[in-house]
Amino acid sequence: MRRLPELRQTTRRDWFASPPGRQLLASEADAAQAALAQRPGQPWLWLAPQAAVGTLPERGLYLVPGADDWSGPIRCRWPLPLANESVATVLVQHVAGPAQGGVLLDECARLLVPNGQLWIFALNPLAPYRWRWQGSGLQASEPMIWRRRLRQAGLVADPVSQGLGPRWRVEPSPDLQHGPGLRAAYLLRAEKRRIPLTPIRQRQPLRIGSGVPAA
């Protein structure tokens, strides 16, 4: 397993602790809670740029990245000390930019149970709000880049992402819209599809009389 590259997490944490960063996280809070509520009682993993706020459902692990480790209820390094196919839902919330996405998604695919879901919150490079994070070291990328990496990790992404967060004003905006538009961030969901171990043989059509296939 490759090591997750250093993500300049001090700068990342500083920005998400600032008013623009806090309002963006507040905009994503409802969607994140909806992700955790989809499979009540099943294990989940949430990778986030800041310490958790409020009460979280049981049977989950909330981790914040440092320079070379992750902290939360446990402190660990990469790869995460979790069993293969042990997590039903994974949330990846602004903890990696495009350069680190491939390594991170490989690990998420390893941890997800068959038919488990991955929720990615990513910054929108077309949003006017990008001037709020300019100089912070954060990177934004279009949804198609994440979809390509998701395919490489063996995950199936939704065809359309959903925009959320403010456009320019520093205020929460949690409503979801079709496509990123000019919103500060977007949500992209993917699934680990169950693939049968034995290929299913295609049945030949029943032929009647002189070789004419039946309808």
Protein backbone atom coordinates (compact mmCIF):
# COMPACT_ATOMS: atom_id res chain seq x y z
CA MET A 1 0.00 0.00 0.00
CA ARG A 2 1.36 3.38 -0.96
CA ARG A 3 1.64 6.07 1.65
CA LEU A 4 -0.77 8.97 1.36
CA PRO A 5 1.34 12.04 0.46
CA GLU A 6 1.58 14.87 2.93
CA LEU A 7 -1.39 17.17 2.38
CA ARG A 8 -0.20 20.40 4.04
CA GLN A 9 -2.82 19.72 6.69
CA THR A 10 -1.85 22.62 8.95
CA THR A 11 -2.76 25.11 6.24
CA ARG A 12 -5.88 23.10 5.40
CA ARG A 13 -7.06 23.08 9.02
CA ASP A 14 -6.39 26.81 9.35
CA TRP A 15 -8.61 27.62 6.38
CA PHE A 16 -11.49 25.39 7.48
CA ALA A 17 -11.27 27.02 10.92
CA SER A 18 -11.71 30.46 9.30
CA PRO A 19 -15.19 31.98 8.76
CA PRO A 20 -15.33 31.03 5.03
CA GLY A 21 -14.24 27.48 5.82
CA ARG A 22 -16.65 27.06 8.73
CA GLN A 23 -19.59 28.22 6.62
CA LEU A 24 -18.71 25.75 3.89
CA LEU A 25 -18.57 22.87 6.38
CA ALA A 26 -21.89 24.06 7.86
CA SER A 27 -23.38 23.92 4.36
CA GLU A 28 -22.31 20.29 4.03
CA ALA A 29 -23.47 19.16 7.48
CA ASP A 30 -26.98 18.08 6.46
CA ALA A 31 -25.72 16.05 3.50
CA ALA A 32 -23.10 14.36 5.68
CA GLN A 33 -25.69 13.41 8.28
CA ALA A 34 -27.94 12.06 5.52
CA ALA A 35 -25.08 9.83 4.37
CA LEU A 36 -24.61 8.38 7.86
CA ALA A 37 -28.36 7.84 8.27
CA GLN A 38 -28.70 5.76 5.11
CA ARG A 39 -27.56 2.54 6.78
CA PRO A 40 -28.38 2.81 10.48
CA GLY A 41 -26.41 0.51 12.74
CA GLN A 42 -23.77 -0.28 10.10
CA PRO A 43 -20.13 0.86 10.40
CA TRP A 44 -19.09 4.11 8.77
CA LEU A 45 -15.88 6.10 8.25
CA TRP A 46 -15.70 9.90 7.99
CA LEU A 47 -12.46 11.61 6.94
CA ALA A 48 -12.81 15.35 7.60
CA PRO A 49 -10.58 18.44 7.84
CA GLN A 50 -11.74 19.45 11.33
CA ALA A 51 -12.68 17.74 14.59
CA ALA A 52 -16.27 16.53 14.81
CA VAL A 53 -18.97 18.92 16.01
CA GLY A 54 -22.11 17.59 17.66
CA THR A 55 -23.26 14.02 18.26
CA LEU A 56 -22.44 11.33 15.73
CA PRO A 57 -24.15 7.97 15.21
CA GLU A 58 -22.58 4.94 16.87
CA ARG A 59 -20.45 2.30 15.13
CA GLY A 60 -18.37 4.82 13.23
CA LEU A 61 -14.90 6.33 13.06
CA TYR A 62 -14.27 10.06 12.54
CA LEU A 63 -10.67 10.91 11.63
CA VAL A 64 -8.81 14.15 10.93
CA PRO A 65 -5.55 14.07 8.94
CA GLY A 66 -2.27 15.42 10.28
CA ALA A 67 1.07 15.82 8.53
CA ASP A 68 1.69 12.05 8.45
CA ASP A 69 -1.08 10.43 10.51
CA TRP A 70 -4.80 10.49 11.36
CA SER A 71 -6.29 11.41 14.72
CA GLY A 72 -9.63 10.94 16.42
CA PRO A 73 -10.80 8.14 18.71
CA ILE A 74 -7.61 6.43 17.53
CA ARG A 75 -4.32 7.71 16.14
CA CYS A 76 -3.02 5.80 13.15
CA ARG A 77 -0.98 5.99 9.99
CA TRP A 78 -1.73 5.04 6.42
CA PRO A 79 -3.11 2.52 5.49
CA LEU A 80 -5.91 2.65 8.04
CA PRO A 81 -6.01 -0.25 10.53
CA LEU A 82 -9.43 -1.48 9.39
CA ALA A 83 -10.35 -4.81 7.87
CA ASN A 84 -11.18 -5.26 4.21
CA GLU A 85 -14.86 -4.73 3.40
CA SER A 86 -15.72 -3.63 6.93
CA VAL A 87 -17.40 -0.24 6.33
CA ALA A 88 -20.79 0.45 4.75
CA THR A 89 -20.39 4.22 4.17
CA VAL A 90 -17.28 6.34 3.70
CA LEU A 91 -17.30 10.15 3.71
CA VAL A 92 -14.29 11.93 2.21
CA GLN A 93 -14.63 15.62 3.04
CA HIS A 94 -11.87 17.87 1.69
CA VAL A 95 -8.99 15.79 3.05
CA ALA A 96 -7.21 15.23 -0.27
CA GLY A 97 -6.72 17.17 -3.45
CA PRO A 98 -6.58 15.74 -6.97
CA ALA A 99 -2.92 14.72 -6.61
CA GLN A 100 -3.67 12.42 -3.67
CA GLY A 101 -7.08 11.19 -4.83
CA GLY A 102 -5.95 7.91 -6.37
CA VAL A 103 -4.25 6.62 -3.21
CA LEU A 104 -7.17 7.64 -1.05
CA LEU A 105 -9.82 6.06 -3.28
CA ASP A 106 -7.94 2.76 -3.45
CA GLU A 107 -8.10 2.61 0.35
CA CYS A 108 -11.80 3.53 0.39
CA ALA A 109 -12.53 0.75 -2.14
CA ARG A 110 -10.67 -1.72 0.07
CA LEU A 111 -12.69 -0.79 3.15
CA LEU A 112 -16.16 -0.64 1.59
CA VAL A 113 -18.49 -3.62 1.80
CA PRO A 114 -20.05 -4.76 -1.48
CA ASN A 115 -22.72 -2.21 -2.44
CA GLY A 116 -21.25 0.22 0.11
CA GLN A 117 -21.25 3.93 -0.74
CA LEU A 118 -18.56 6.57 -0.91
CA TRP A 119 -19.53 10.24 -0.55
CA ILE A 120 -16.96 12.80 -1.74
CA PHE A 121 -17.18 16.49 -0.88
CA ALA A 122 -14.87 18.42 -3.21
CA LEU A 123 -14.15 22.07 -3.97
CA ASN A 124 -15.55 23.50 -7.19
CA PRO A 125 -12.88 25.21 -9.36
CA LEU A 126 -15.54 27.31 -11.12
CA ALA A 127 -17.04 28.82 -7.96
CA PRO A 128 -16.48 32.53 -7.18
CA TYR A 129 -15.92 31.30 -3.60
CA ARG A 130 -12.53 29.98 -4.75
CA TRP A 131 -11.09 33.42 -4.02
CA ARG A 132 -11.87 32.70 -0.35
CA TRP A 133 -9.44 29.77 -0.29
CA GLN A 134 -6.81 31.27 -2.59
CA GLY A 135 -3.33 30.94 -1.06
CA SER A 136 -4.41 28.28 1.44
CA GLY A 137 -2.89 25.37 -0.45
CA LEU A 138 -6.31 23.84 -1.16
CA GLN A 139 -6.93 22.42 -4.62
CA ALA A 140 -10.15 22.12 -6.56
CA SER A 141 -10.97 19.79 -9.43
CA GLU A 142 -13.89 19.12 -11.73
CA PRO A 143 -16.16 16.11 -11.09
CA MET A 144 -14.95 14.26 -14.20
CA ILE A 145 -11.45 13.98 -12.67
CA TRP A 146 -12.86 12.32 -9.56
CA ARG A 147 -15.06 10.03 -11.71
CA ARG A 148 -12.00 8.86 -13.63
CA ARG A 149 -10.19 8.04 -10.41
CA LEU A 150 -13.26 6.33 -9.01
CA ARG A 151 -13.39 4.04 -12.06
CA GLN A 152 -9.71 3.25 -11.63
CA ALA A 153 -10.43 2.26 -8.01
CA GLY A 154 -13.24 -0.05 -9.13
CA LEU A 155 -16.08 2.19 -7.94
CA VAL A 156 -19.13 3.32 -9.92
CA ALA A 157 -19.90 7.03 -9.64
CA ASP A 158 -23.25 8.73 -10.03
CA PRO A 159 -23.52 10.40 -13.45
CA VAL A 160 -24.33 13.81 -11.96
CA SER A 161 -22.81 15.59 -8.97
CA GLN A 162 -24.74 17.97 -6.71
CA GLY A 163 -23.61 21.49 -5.92
CA LEU A 164 -23.84 22.89 -2.40
CA GLY A 165 -22.34 25.64 -0.28
CA PRO A 166 -22.18 29.40 -0.84
CA ARG A 167 -21.47 31.06 -4.16
CA TRP A 168 -19.69 34.16 -2.85
CA ARG A 169 -21.18 35.34 0.44
CA VAL A 170 -19.76 33.85 3.63
CA GLU A 171 -22.94 32.15 4.77
CA PRO A 172 -24.21 28.56 4.88
CA SER A 173 -26.14 27.31 1.87
CA PRO A 174 -27.05 23.64 2.42
CA ASP A 175 -29.61 23.12 -0.35
CA LEU A 176 -28.46 20.75 -3.09
CA GLN A 177 -28.65 21.61 -6.77
CA HIS A 178 -28.30 19.56 -9.95
CA GLY A 179 -24.66 19.88 -10.98
CA PRO A 180 -21.95 22.00 -9.30
CA GLY A 181 -22.89 25.27 -11.01
CA LEU A 182 -21.17 28.13 -9.18
CA ARG A 183 -21.50 26.62 -5.72
CA ALA A 184 -18.39 26.44 -3.52
CA ALA A 185 -18.39 22.64 -3.42
CA TYR A 186 -20.11 19.60 -4.85
CA LEU A 187 -21.10 16.15 -3.66
CA LEU A 188 -20.25 13.10 -5.72
CA ARG A 189 -21.49 9.65 -4.71
CA ALA A 190 -20.08 6.29 -5.80
CA GLU A 191 -20.82 2.65 -5.05
CA LYS A 192 -18.80 -0.53 -4.75
CA ARG A 193 -20.77 -2.87 -6.96
CA ARG A 194 -20.86 -6.58 -6.23
CA ILE A 195 -19.38 -8.51 -9.15
CA PRO A 196 -20.19 -12.25 -9.44
CA LEU A 197 -17.14 -14.51 -9.22
CA THR A 198 -18.47 -16.82 -11.95
CA PRO A 199 -19.42 -15.21 -15.28
CA ILE A 200 -23.06 -15.73 -16.18
CA ARG A 201 -23.40 -17.61 -19.47
CA GLN A 202 -25.77 -15.98 -21.93
CA ARG A 203 -28.55 -18.40 -22.86
CA GLN A 204 -29.06 -19.07 -26.56
CA PRO A 205 -32.49 -18.15 -27.94
CA LEU A 206 -34.89 -21.04 -28.46
CA ARG A 207 -35.14 -21.86 -32.17
CA ILE A 208 -38.32 -23.09 -33.76
CA GLY A 209 -38.68 -25.02 -36.97
CA SER A 210 -35.98 -24.17 -39.53
CA GLY A 211 -33.70 -22.15 -37.26
CA VAL A 212 -36.04 -19.21 -36.61
CA PRO A 213 -35.44 -17.86 -33.08
CA ALA A 214 -38.48 -17.64 -30.81
CA ALA A 215 -39.55 -14.19 -29.57
